[in-house]
N, C-alpha and C. Protein backbone atom coordinates (compact mmCIF):
# COMPACT_ATOMS: atom_id res chain seq x y z
N MET A 1 -39.55 37.16 30.82
CA MET A 1 -40.21 36.96 29.69
C MET A 1 -40.44 34.99 29.81
N GLY A 2 -41.54 34.88 29.08
CA GLY A 2 -42.24 33.56 29.61
C GLY A 2 -41.71 32.57 28.48
N PHE A 3 -41.59 31.34 28.92
CA PHE A 3 -41.24 30.10 27.57
C PHE A 3 -41.51 30.30 26.59
N PHE A 4 -42.99 30.53 26.48
CA PHE A 4 -43.70 30.72 25.18
C PHE A 4 -43.99 32.03 24.35
N ASP A 5 -43.07 32.65 25.12
CA ASP A 5 -43.46 34.10 24.46
C ASP A 5 -42.90 34.62 23.04
N GLU A 6 -41.86 33.88 22.63
CA GLU A 6 -41.41 33.87 21.31
C GLU A 6 -41.60 32.73 20.75
N THR A 7 -42.62 32.12 20.45
CA THR A 7 -42.95 31.09 19.99
C THR A 7 -43.05 30.97 18.24
N LEU A 8 -42.89 30.16 17.69
CA LEU A 8 -43.07 30.32 16.09
C LEU A 8 -44.83 30.42 15.76
N ASP A 9 -45.21 30.90 14.76
CA ASP A 9 -46.41 31.06 14.52
C ASP A 9 -46.56 29.35 13.64
N ALA A 10 -47.64 28.79 14.27
CA ALA A 10 -48.06 27.37 14.01
C ALA A 10 -47.94 27.36 12.36
N ARG A 11 -48.49 28.38 11.88
CA ARG A 11 -48.95 28.43 10.28
C ARG A 11 -47.47 28.08 9.55
N ALA A 12 -46.46 28.43 10.25
CA ALA A 12 -45.22 28.46 9.59
C ALA A 12 -44.67 27.32 9.55
N LEU A 13 -45.36 26.28 10.76
CA LEU A 13 -44.68 24.64 10.99
C LEU A 13 -45.71 23.98 9.79
N LEU A 14 -46.56 24.07 9.90
CA LEU A 14 -47.92 23.27 9.11
C LEU A 14 -48.15 23.85 7.73
N GLY A 15 -47.67 25.02 7.52
CA GLY A 15 -47.99 25.02 6.11
C GLY A 15 -49.47 25.49 6.15
N ALA A 16 -50.10 25.76 5.04
CA ALA A 16 -51.36 26.03 4.69
C ALA A 16 -52.43 25.35 4.78
N PRO A 17 -53.57 25.20 5.21
CA PRO A 17 -54.40 23.88 4.95
C PRO A 17 -54.83 23.62 3.58
N GLY A 18 -55.12 22.78 3.59
CA GLY A 18 -55.42 22.10 1.75
C GLY A 18 -56.92 23.34 1.55
N GLU A 19 -56.72 23.15 0.25
CA GLU A 19 -57.88 23.96 -0.32
C GLU A 19 -59.38 23.15 -0.44
N TYR A 20 -59.05 21.92 -0.54
CA TYR A 20 -60.20 20.98 -0.56
C TYR A 20 -60.20 19.94 0.56
N ARG A 21 -61.37 19.13 0.98
CA ARG A 21 -61.39 18.33 1.64
C ARG A 21 -60.75 16.71 0.99
N ASN A 22 -59.89 16.16 2.19
CA ASN A 22 -59.43 14.92 1.64
C ASN A 22 -60.84 13.58 1.61
N PRO A 23 -60.86 13.14 0.41
CA PRO A 23 -61.67 12.06 0.53
C PRO A 23 -61.17 10.72 1.47
N ASP A 24 -62.13 10.02 2.00
CA ASP A 24 -62.12 9.44 2.86
C ASP A 24 -60.81 7.88 2.50
N TRP A 25 -60.87 7.88 1.38
CA TRP A 25 -59.83 6.74 0.80
C TRP A 25 -58.38 7.23 0.51
N THR A 26 -57.93 8.53 1.11
CA THR A 26 -56.64 9.01 0.66
C THR A 26 -55.81 9.00 1.80
N GLY A 27 -56.55 8.93 3.01
CA GLY A 27 -55.92 8.71 4.57
C GLY A 27 -56.51 9.32 5.58
N PRO A 28 -55.95 9.41 6.73
CA PRO A 28 -56.75 9.68 8.11
C PRO A 28 -57.22 11.06 7.87
N PRO A 29 -58.49 11.34 8.55
CA PRO A 29 -58.89 12.74 8.54
C PRO A 29 -58.25 13.74 9.47
N PRO A 30 -58.18 15.10 9.05
CA PRO A 30 -57.71 15.66 10.03
C PRO A 30 -58.57 16.11 11.32
N ASN A 31 -59.83 15.88 11.29
CA ASN A 31 -60.37 16.62 12.08
C ASN A 31 -61.21 15.72 12.92
N VAL A 32 -60.51 14.02 13.01
CA VAL A 32 -61.23 13.27 14.14
C VAL A 32 -60.15 12.67 15.17
N GLN A 33 -60.64 12.52 16.11
CA GLN A 33 -59.85 11.80 17.14
C GLN A 33 -59.95 10.58 16.98
N PRO A 34 -59.07 9.50 16.82
CA PRO A 34 -59.21 8.00 16.58
C PRO A 34 -59.32 7.62 17.62
N ALA A 35 -59.95 6.03 17.76
CA ALA A 35 -59.83 4.95 18.73
C ALA A 35 -58.45 4.26 18.41
N ASP A 36 -58.01 3.77 19.51
CA ASP A 36 -57.17 2.44 19.43
C ASP A 36 -57.53 1.29 20.19
N PRO A 37 -57.73 0.54 19.03
CA PRO A 37 -58.19 -1.04 19.75
C PRO A 37 -56.97 -2.02 20.35
N ALA A 38 -55.83 -1.45 20.48
CA ALA A 38 -54.83 -2.09 20.96
C ALA A 38 -54.48 -3.74 20.42
N LEU A 39 -54.54 -3.74 18.93
CA LEU A 39 -54.92 -4.97 18.45
C LEU A 39 -53.26 -5.33 17.65
N ARG A 40 -52.46 -6.27 17.97
CA ARG A 40 -51.35 -6.23 17.53
C ARG A 40 -51.13 -8.09 17.16
N ALA A 41 -50.04 -8.13 16.39
CA ALA A 41 -50.13 -9.47 15.82
C ALA A 41 -48.64 -9.70 15.26
N VAL A 42 -47.70 -10.68 15.97
CA VAL A 42 -46.60 -10.96 15.41
C VAL A 42 -46.49 -11.48 14.25
N MET A 43 -46.11 -11.15 12.77
CA MET A 43 -45.99 -11.88 11.65
C MET A 43 -44.90 -12.91 11.84
N ALA A 44 -43.77 -12.43 12.07
CA ALA A 44 -42.69 -13.43 12.07
C ALA A 44 -41.74 -13.13 12.77
N ARG A 45 -40.94 -14.02 13.30
CA ARG A 45 -39.80 -13.87 14.51
C ARG A 45 -38.80 -14.83 14.49
N THR A 46 -37.58 -14.36 14.25
CA THR A 46 -36.32 -15.28 13.95
C THR A 46 -35.37 -15.33 15.08
N GLU A 47 -34.12 -15.66 15.06
CA GLU A 47 -32.96 -15.41 15.68
C GLU A 47 -32.35 -13.89 15.67
N SER A 48 -32.81 -13.42 14.33
CA SER A 48 -32.28 -12.15 13.85
C SER A 48 -32.89 -11.06 13.56
N ILE A 49 -34.41 -11.46 13.28
CA ILE A 49 -35.53 -10.32 12.70
C ILE A 49 -36.99 -10.71 13.50
N ALA A 50 -37.17 -9.63 13.41
CA ALA A 50 -39.04 -9.75 14.01
C ALA A 50 -39.95 -8.75 13.17
N VAL A 51 -41.11 -9.09 12.74
CA VAL A 51 -41.97 -8.42 12.07
C VAL A 51 -43.40 -8.53 12.84
N TRP A 52 -43.85 -7.23 12.86
CA TRP A 52 -45.17 -7.34 13.53
C TRP A 52 -46.21 -6.24 12.99
N LEU A 53 -47.35 -6.62 13.08
CA LEU A 53 -48.43 -5.50 12.59
C LEU A 53 -49.19 -5.02 13.90
N SER A 54 -49.38 -4.01 13.53
CA SER A 54 -50.14 -3.25 15.04
C SER A 54 -51.26 -2.48 14.10
N ILE A 55 -52.56 -2.76 14.71
CA ILE A 55 -53.68 -1.98 14.13
C ILE A 55 -54.12 -0.87 14.80
N GLY A 56 -54.27 0.46 14.39
CA GLY A 56 -54.71 1.80 15.08
C GLY A 56 -53.57 2.84 14.35
N PRO A 57 -54.01 3.77 14.59
CA PRO A 57 -55.10 4.38 15.22
C PRO A 57 -56.16 4.07 14.33
N VAL A 58 -57.75 4.03 14.86
CA VAL A 58 -58.63 3.86 13.93
C VAL A 58 -59.58 5.18 13.83
N TYR A 59 -60.25 5.35 12.49
CA TYR A 59 -60.93 6.22 12.55
C TYR A 59 -62.26 5.63 12.04
N SER A 60 -63.49 6.82 11.68
CA SER A 60 -64.55 6.05 11.44
C SER A 60 -64.66 5.57 9.98
N ALA A 61 -63.90 6.04 9.19
CA ALA A 61 -63.77 5.38 7.48
C ALA A 61 -62.73 4.45 7.28
N GLY A 62 -61.80 4.42 8.06
CA GLY A 62 -60.73 3.69 7.62
C GLY A 62 -59.73 3.32 9.12
N THR A 63 -58.51 2.87 8.89
CA THR A 63 -57.69 2.52 9.72
C THR A 63 -56.16 2.85 9.44
N VAL A 64 -55.20 2.80 10.51
CA VAL A 64 -54.15 2.88 9.90
C VAL A 64 -53.09 1.44 10.59
N LEU A 65 -52.41 0.81 9.49
CA LEU A 65 -52.01 -0.61 9.97
C LEU A 65 -50.49 -0.16 9.73
N THR A 66 -49.85 -0.79 10.64
CA THR A 66 -48.37 -0.33 10.86
C THR A 66 -47.46 -1.64 10.93
N LEU A 67 -46.57 -1.83 10.03
CA LEU A 67 -45.60 -2.95 10.08
C LEU A 67 -44.51 -2.54 10.28
N ASP A 68 -43.92 -2.98 11.63
CA ASP A 68 -42.86 -2.86 12.43
C ASP A 68 -41.74 -4.19 12.04
N VAL A 69 -40.56 -3.74 12.04
CA VAL A 69 -39.44 -4.39 11.49
C VAL A 69 -38.51 -4.14 12.41
N ARG A 70 -37.69 -5.41 13.36
CA ARG A 70 -36.70 -4.82 13.89
C ARG A 70 -35.72 -6.05 13.40
N TRP A 71 -34.22 -5.51 13.61
CA TRP A 71 -33.28 -6.47 13.39
C TRP A 71 -32.36 -6.47 14.88
N ARG A 72 -31.78 -7.72 14.99
CA ARG A 72 -30.88 -7.73 16.41
C ARG A 72 -29.55 -7.55 15.90
N PHE A 73 -29.04 -7.95 14.88
CA PHE A 73 -27.67 -7.64 14.88
C PHE A 73 -27.42 -6.72 13.60
N ALA A 74 -26.56 -5.87 13.69
CA ALA A 74 -26.42 -4.53 12.44
C ALA A 74 -25.46 -5.23 11.43
N ASP A 75 -25.01 -6.25 11.45
CA ASP A 75 -24.18 -6.69 10.30
C ASP A 75 -25.13 -7.90 9.29
N ARG A 76 -26.36 -8.04 9.83
CA ARG A 76 -27.31 -8.67 9.12
C ARG A 76 -28.60 -8.19 8.61
N VAL A 77 -28.31 -6.94 8.73
CA VAL A 77 -29.30 -5.97 8.14
C VAL A 77 -29.32 -6.03 6.58
N PRO A 78 -30.39 -6.21 6.06
CA PRO A 78 -30.45 -6.35 4.35
C PRO A 78 -30.74 -5.13 4.20
N THR A 79 -30.64 -4.67 2.94
CA THR A 79 -30.73 -3.50 2.43
C THR A 79 -32.17 -3.18 2.84
N ALA A 80 -32.88 -1.76 2.84
CA ALA A 80 -34.13 -1.60 3.31
C ALA A 80 -35.12 -2.30 2.59
N PRO A 81 -36.17 -2.75 3.26
CA PRO A 81 -37.15 -3.82 2.68
C PRO A 81 -37.89 -3.31 1.40
N ASN A 82 -38.21 -2.01 0.81
CA ASN A 82 -38.75 -1.88 -0.03
C ASN A 82 -39.60 -2.62 -0.67
N PRO A 83 -40.95 -2.38 0.24
CA PRO A 83 -42.02 -3.21 -0.12
C PRO A 83 -42.42 -3.09 -1.87
N GLY A 84 -42.74 -3.98 -2.20
CA GLY A 84 -42.88 -4.20 -3.74
C GLY A 84 -42.15 -3.37 -4.88
N ARG A 85 -40.77 -2.90 -4.27
CA ARG A 85 -39.96 -2.28 -5.45
C ARG A 85 -38.84 -3.42 -5.72
N THR A 86 -39.04 -4.48 -4.89
CA THR A 86 -37.87 -5.52 -5.41
C THR A 86 -38.50 -6.88 -5.83
N GLY A 87 -40.03 -6.56 -5.91
CA GLY A 87 -40.50 -8.08 -6.40
C GLY A 87 -40.79 -8.70 -5.16
N ARG A 88 -40.82 -10.25 -4.97
CA ARG A 88 -40.91 -11.19 -4.04
C ARG A 88 -39.90 -11.29 -3.26
N ASN A 89 -38.61 -10.79 -3.45
CA ASN A 89 -37.34 -10.82 -2.43
C ASN A 89 -37.76 -9.54 -1.39
N GLY A 90 -38.81 -8.35 -1.95
CA GLY A 90 -38.85 -7.74 -0.96
C GLY A 90 -39.94 -7.79 0.61
N LEU A 91 -40.08 -6.85 1.23
CA LEU A 91 -41.31 -7.21 2.25
C LEU A 91 -42.50 -7.26 1.49
N CYS A 92 -43.30 -8.21 1.41
CA CYS A 92 -44.48 -8.53 0.59
C CYS A 92 -45.40 -8.63 1.83
N PHE A 93 -46.48 -7.82 1.64
CA PHE A 93 -47.65 -7.60 2.68
C PHE A 93 -49.06 -7.21 1.90
N GLY A 94 -49.97 -8.01 2.51
CA GLY A 94 -51.48 -7.99 2.18
C GLY A 94 -52.35 -8.39 3.04
N LEU A 95 -53.94 -8.11 2.70
CA LEU A 95 -55.00 -8.58 3.53
C LEU A 95 -55.94 -9.22 2.94
N GLN A 96 -56.28 -10.38 3.51
CA GLN A 96 -57.57 -11.11 3.02
C GLN A 96 -58.95 -10.90 3.88
N PHE A 97 -59.70 -10.53 2.97
CA PHE A 97 -61.06 -10.16 3.72
C PHE A 97 -61.92 -11.38 4.01
N ALA A 98 -62.95 -11.29 4.72
CA ALA A 98 -64.10 -12.40 5.26
C ALA A 98 -64.61 -13.00 4.21
N ASP A 99 -64.89 -12.47 2.93
CA ASP A 99 -65.24 -12.74 1.89
C ASP A 99 -64.20 -13.60 0.74
N GLY A 100 -63.22 -13.38 1.20
CA GLY A 100 -61.99 -14.41 0.39
C GLY A 100 -61.06 -13.49 -0.29
N SER A 101 -61.82 -12.05 -0.62
CA SER A 101 -60.97 -10.87 -1.50
C SER A 101 -59.91 -10.69 -0.77
N ARG A 102 -58.93 -10.26 -1.86
CA ARG A 102 -57.32 -9.89 -1.25
C ARG A 102 -57.23 -8.38 -1.87
N ILE A 103 -56.68 -7.74 -1.06
CA ILE A 103 -55.93 -6.56 -1.25
C ILE A 103 -54.50 -6.32 -1.13
N LEU A 104 -53.80 -5.84 -1.92
CA LEU A 104 -52.52 -5.68 -1.76
C LEU A 104 -52.01 -3.80 -1.73
N PRO A 105 -50.96 -3.64 -1.17
CA PRO A 105 -50.98 -2.36 -0.94
C PRO A 105 -50.79 -1.74 -2.66
N ALA A 106 -51.24 -0.37 -2.70
CA ALA A 106 -51.58 0.23 -3.60
C ALA A 106 -50.68 1.64 -3.78
N GLU A 107 -49.63 1.84 -4.95
CA GLU A 107 -49.11 3.61 -5.11
C GLU A 107 -50.46 4.44 -4.92
N ARG A 108 -50.31 5.33 -4.51
CA ARG A 108 -51.16 6.49 -4.96
C ARG A 108 -51.36 6.61 -6.59
N GLU A 109 -52.64 6.69 -6.99
CA GLU A 109 -53.11 6.28 -8.08
C GLU A 109 -53.04 7.51 -8.76
N PRO A 110 -52.69 7.77 -10.10
CA PRO A 110 -52.79 9.37 -10.79
C PRO A 110 -54.49 9.54 -10.96
N ARG A 111 -55.64 9.14 -9.90
CA ARG A 111 -56.63 9.55 -10.03
C ARG A 111 -57.09 10.80 -9.81
N ARG A 112 -58.16 11.28 -9.93
CA ARG A 112 -58.59 12.69 -9.62
C ARG A 112 -59.12 12.38 -8.25
N ALA A 113 -59.04 13.38 -7.40
CA ALA A 113 -59.09 12.78 -5.66
C ALA A 113 -61.02 12.74 -5.98
N SER A 114 -61.72 13.38 -6.79
CA SER A 114 -63.19 13.11 -6.79
C SER A 114 -63.72 11.75 -7.30
N GLN A 115 -62.62 11.00 -7.42
CA GLN A 115 -63.16 9.73 -8.08
C GLN A 115 -63.18 8.31 -7.30
N ARG A 116 -64.21 8.46 -6.54
CA ARG A 116 -64.21 7.11 -5.19
C ARG A 116 -63.85 5.64 -5.97
N PRO A 117 -63.12 5.19 -5.38
CA PRO A 117 -62.64 3.31 -5.69
C PRO A 117 -63.78 2.62 -5.47
N ARG A 118 -63.78 1.83 -6.47
CA ARG A 118 -64.95 0.90 -6.53
C ARG A 118 -64.27 -0.26 -5.63
N LEU A 119 -63.29 -0.53 -5.01
CA LEU A 119 -62.83 -1.63 -4.10
C LEU A 119 -61.93 -1.05 -2.78
N SER A 120 -61.68 -1.63 -2.14
CA SER A 120 -60.89 -1.44 -0.78
C SER A 120 -59.83 -0.68 -1.36
N ARG A 121 -59.21 -0.15 -0.45
CA ARG A 121 -57.73 0.58 -1.01
C ARG A 121 -56.42 0.08 0.22
N LEU A 122 -55.62 0.13 0.07
CA LEU A 122 -54.68 -0.33 1.29
C LEU A 122 -53.43 0.71 0.62
N THR A 123 -53.14 1.89 1.18
CA THR A 123 -52.39 2.87 0.53
C THR A 123 -51.16 3.02 1.67
N PRO A 124 -49.82 2.94 1.04
CA PRO A 124 -48.71 3.12 2.03
C PRO A 124 -48.82 4.80 2.29
N ILE A 125 -48.53 5.26 3.49
CA ILE A 125 -48.60 6.66 3.79
C ILE A 125 -47.48 7.36 4.65
N LEU A 126 -46.94 6.15 5.15
CA LEU A 126 -45.56 6.96 5.88
C LEU A 126 -44.51 5.52 5.72
N MET A 127 -43.27 5.81 5.77
CA MET A 127 -42.29 4.99 5.93
C MET A 127 -40.97 5.52 6.65
N GLN A 128 -40.62 4.80 7.71
CA GLN A 128 -39.52 5.49 8.31
C GLN A 128 -38.65 4.28 8.64
N SER A 129 -37.09 4.79 8.66
CA SER A 129 -36.09 3.64 8.71
C SER A 129 -34.86 4.34 9.55
N LYS A 130 -34.44 3.71 10.54
CA LYS A 130 -33.55 4.44 11.38
C LYS A 130 -32.58 2.80 11.84
N SER A 131 -31.56 3.13 12.45
CA SER A 131 -30.71 1.88 13.06
C SER A 131 -31.47 0.53 13.66
N LEU A 132 -31.33 -0.24 12.86
CA LEU A 132 -31.94 -1.54 13.46
C LEU A 132 -33.82 -1.62 13.27
N GLN A 133 -34.36 -0.98 12.56
CA GLN A 133 -35.69 -0.80 12.62
C GLN A 133 -36.14 -0.02 11.38
N PHE A 134 -37.39 -0.45 11.23
CA PHE A 134 -38.09 -0.16 9.77
C PHE A 134 -39.35 0.06 10.21
N ARG A 135 -40.30 0.86 9.89
CA ARG A 135 -41.61 1.07 9.92
C ARG A 135 -42.24 1.64 8.79
N LEU A 136 -43.55 0.75 8.47
CA LEU A 136 -44.17 1.01 7.12
C LEU A 136 -45.97 1.55 7.77
N ASP A 137 -46.34 2.52 7.61
CA ASP A 137 -47.56 2.86 7.74
C ASP A 137 -48.67 2.58 6.43
N TYR A 138 -49.71 1.84 6.46
CA TYR A 138 -50.84 1.80 5.42
C TYR A 138 -52.09 2.58 6.08
N TRP A 139 -52.82 2.89 4.98
CA TRP A 139 -53.94 3.30 5.26
C TRP A 139 -55.01 2.45 4.80
N LEU A 140 -56.02 1.53 5.51
CA LEU A 140 -56.88 0.75 4.79
C LEU A 140 -58.31 1.40 4.99
N TRP A 141 -58.92 1.53 4.02
CA TRP A 141 -60.18 2.19 3.44
C TRP A 141 -61.03 1.25 2.85
N PRO A 142 -62.05 0.69 3.20
CA PRO A 142 -63.05 0.94 4.12
C PRO A 142 -62.53 0.26 5.50
N ILE A 143 -63.32 0.23 6.29
CA ILE A 143 -63.29 -0.56 7.62
C ILE A 143 -63.98 -1.76 7.11
N PRO A 144 -63.26 -2.93 7.24
CA PRO A 144 -63.21 -4.20 7.14
C PRO A 144 -64.76 -4.50 7.28
N ALA A 145 -65.48 -5.29 6.70
CA ALA A 145 -66.99 -5.88 6.94
C ALA A 145 -66.40 -7.30 7.24
N GLY A 146 -67.50 -8.26 7.98
CA GLY A 146 -66.71 -9.34 8.50
C GLY A 146 -66.32 -9.62 9.85
N ASP A 147 -66.25 -10.54 10.34
CA ASP A 147 -65.33 -10.52 11.64
C ASP A 147 -63.95 -11.47 11.44
N LEU A 148 -63.61 -11.58 10.44
CA LEU A 148 -62.20 -12.06 10.08
C LEU A 148 -61.72 -11.22 9.22
N LEU A 149 -60.00 -10.67 9.51
CA LEU A 149 -59.46 -10.06 8.57
C LEU A 149 -57.94 -10.76 8.76
N THR A 150 -57.54 -11.32 7.60
CA THR A 150 -56.25 -12.28 7.67
C THR A 150 -55.16 -11.27 7.14
N ALA A 151 -53.84 -10.76 8.02
CA ALA A 151 -53.08 -10.25 7.48
C ALA A 151 -52.09 -11.30 6.77
N VAL A 152 -51.66 -11.08 5.71
CA VAL A 152 -50.26 -12.08 5.20
C VAL A 152 -49.00 -11.11 4.91
N ALA A 153 -48.08 -11.84 4.86
CA ALA A 153 -46.60 -11.59 4.86
C ALA A 153 -45.66 -12.38 4.42
N GLU A 154 -44.66 -12.18 3.68
CA GLU A 154 -43.58 -12.98 3.27
C GLU A 154 -42.39 -11.96 2.72
N TRP A 155 -41.08 -12.33 3.32
CA TRP A 155 -40.04 -11.67 2.87
C TRP A 155 -38.78 -12.83 2.33
N ARG A 156 -38.78 -13.13 1.24
CA ARG A 156 -37.78 -13.85 0.87
C ARG A 156 -36.43 -13.50 1.26
N HIS A 157 -35.93 -12.52 0.74
CA HIS A 157 -34.48 -12.16 1.42
C HIS A 157 -34.26 -12.23 2.74
N ALA A 158 -35.22 -11.96 3.56
CA ALA A 158 -34.97 -12.18 4.86
C ALA A 158 -35.47 -13.41 5.53
N ARG A 159 -35.40 -14.44 4.62
CA ARG A 159 -36.09 -15.95 4.62
C ARG A 159 -37.23 -16.34 5.72
N ILE A 160 -38.35 -15.31 5.38
CA ILE A 160 -39.32 -15.44 5.87
C ILE A 160 -40.40 -15.81 4.97
N ALA A 161 -40.72 -16.80 5.18
CA ALA A 161 -41.84 -17.96 4.37
C ALA A 161 -43.48 -17.01 4.40
N GLU A 162 -43.98 -17.03 3.55
CA GLU A 162 -45.56 -16.90 3.63
C GLU A 162 -46.12 -16.95 5.06
N VAL A 163 -46.41 -16.15 5.67
CA VAL A 163 -47.21 -16.05 6.89
C VAL A 163 -48.39 -15.76 6.89
N ARG A 164 -49.62 -16.00 7.54
CA ARG A 164 -50.82 -15.71 7.76
C ARG A 164 -51.31 -15.62 8.98
N VAL A 165 -51.86 -14.30 9.64
CA VAL A 165 -52.32 -14.04 11.00
C VAL A 165 -53.86 -13.56 10.84
N ASP A 166 -54.61 -14.30 11.62
CA ASP A 166 -56.02 -14.09 11.68
C ASP A 166 -56.09 -12.64 12.76
N LEU A 167 -56.93 -12.09 12.33
CA LEU A 167 -57.37 -10.75 13.36
C LEU A 167 -58.84 -10.72 13.47
N ASP A 168 -59.26 -10.11 14.65
CA ASP A 168 -60.67 -9.96 14.69
C ASP A 168 -61.04 -8.66 13.96
N ALA A 169 -61.84 -8.82 13.03
CA ALA A 169 -62.10 -7.64 12.60
C ALA A 169 -63.28 -6.65 13.32
N SER A 170 -63.68 -7.61 13.76
CA SER A 170 -65.05 -6.83 14.84
C SER A 170 -64.16 -5.62 15.60
N VAL A 171 -63.33 -6.21 16.17
CA VAL A 171 -62.39 -5.15 17.21
C VAL A 171 -62.04 -3.60 16.38
N ILE A 172 -62.02 -4.00 15.09
CA ILE A 172 -61.50 -2.84 14.34
C ILE A 172 -62.99 -2.23 14.17
N ARG A 173 -63.99 -2.78 13.65
CA ARG A 173 -65.28 -1.76 13.57
C ARG A 173 -65.63 -1.11 15.14
N ALA A 174 -65.96 -1.93 16.10
CA ALA A 174 -65.98 -1.36 17.29
C ALA A 174 -64.97 0.04 17.75
N ALA A 175 -63.77 -0.38 17.50
CA ALA A 175 -63.02 0.92 17.85
C ALA A 175 -63.39 2.08 16.69
N SER A 176 -63.99 1.72 15.58
CA SER A 176 -64.46 3.07 14.50
C SER A 176 -65.32 3.86 15.04
N ALA A 177 -66.45 2.83 15.75
CA ALA A 177 -67.45 3.57 15.96
C ALA A 177 -67.04 4.66 17.29
N GLU A 178 -65.96 4.67 17.78
CA GLU A 178 -65.42 5.30 19.21
C GLU A 178 -64.88 6.67 18.65
N ALA A 179 -64.50 6.52 17.30
CA ALA A 179 -63.88 7.59 16.97
C ALA A 179 -64.63 8.93 16.91
N ILE A 180 -64.12 9.85 17.47
CA ILE A 180 -64.86 11.13 17.80
C ILE A 180 -64.69 12.61 16.42
N GLU A 181 -65.55 12.85 16.18
CA GLU A 181 -65.46 13.79 14.91
C GLU A 181 -65.38 15.08 15.51
N LEU A 182 -64.11 16.02 15.82
CA LEU A 182 -64.04 17.49 16.73
C LEU A 182 -64.62 18.52 16.03
N TRP A 183 -64.70 18.40 14.74
CA TRP A 183 -65.42 19.52 14.00
C TRP A 183 -65.61 19.31 12.68
N PRO A 184 -66.77 20.11 11.94
CA PRO A 184 -66.85 19.42 10.85
C PRO A 184 -65.79 19.85 9.49
N ASP A 185 -65.62 19.20 9.05
CA ASP A 185 -64.32 19.76 7.99
C ASP A 185 -65.35 20.43 7.07
N GLU A 186 -65.17 21.54 6.91
CA GLU A 186 -66.27 22.59 5.96
C GLU A 186 -65.69 22.86 4.70
N ARG A 187 -64.17 22.11 4.67
CA ARG A 187 -63.86 22.73 3.19
C ARG A 187 -64.53 22.15 2.03
N PRO A 188 -64.69 22.53 0.82
CA PRO A 188 -65.79 21.77 0.01
C PRO A 188 -64.99 20.58 -0.61
N ASP A 189 -65.65 19.91 -1.25
CA ASP A 189 -65.12 18.50 -1.84
C ASP A 189 -64.33 19.12 -3.09
N PRO A 190 -63.26 18.30 -3.66
CA PRO A 190 -62.53 18.46 -4.76
C PRO A 190 -63.36 18.59 -6.00
N PRO A 191 -63.17 19.55 -6.81
CA PRO A 191 -63.96 19.42 -7.99
C PRO A 191 -64.08 18.57 -8.96
N GLN A 192 -65.31 18.17 -9.51
CA GLN A 192 -65.32 17.17 -10.37
C GLN A 192 -64.99 17.76 -11.53
N THR A 193 -64.08 16.79 -11.93
CA THR A 193 -63.34 16.94 -13.47
C THR A 193 -63.33 16.00 -14.37
């Protein structure tokens, strides 16, 4: 008997595919191989905590931004950062675009999937926590225009004052042009309601 002879049916692991195509602003598309610009920036570093931002993977419509937190000592780990849920004492994160406009993370709105947002979206899509580590992934839609994208973070509970880090948005745009559509998403658009 071969190693893979008794494997599970992938459908049992993945579940049934969605009935409708996911709009670009809701998260990474399942039919695209993203590019990785390898763009990272340290947001804050003290003797006991570090926070950094990684850009990518990058898709043609948007990009994943990952905020990582590491603690040096277990006895100094505060409660989970809970961005936005504990006011300004939690880990605050946002972006400023080249035109001066700002964006903060938005919980998934109770909007119909077919309603295209008027402005950029920064949506939390994944949160992981384990010993001395915390990770939060955001979906930024659309790819930012202009050459400058400023990441801003503050975490009063961890004694991290507001910090701004300038990123080269043209690197993100260039990576988005390298994303490869693997096959067309032939599912229908969500119904207009």
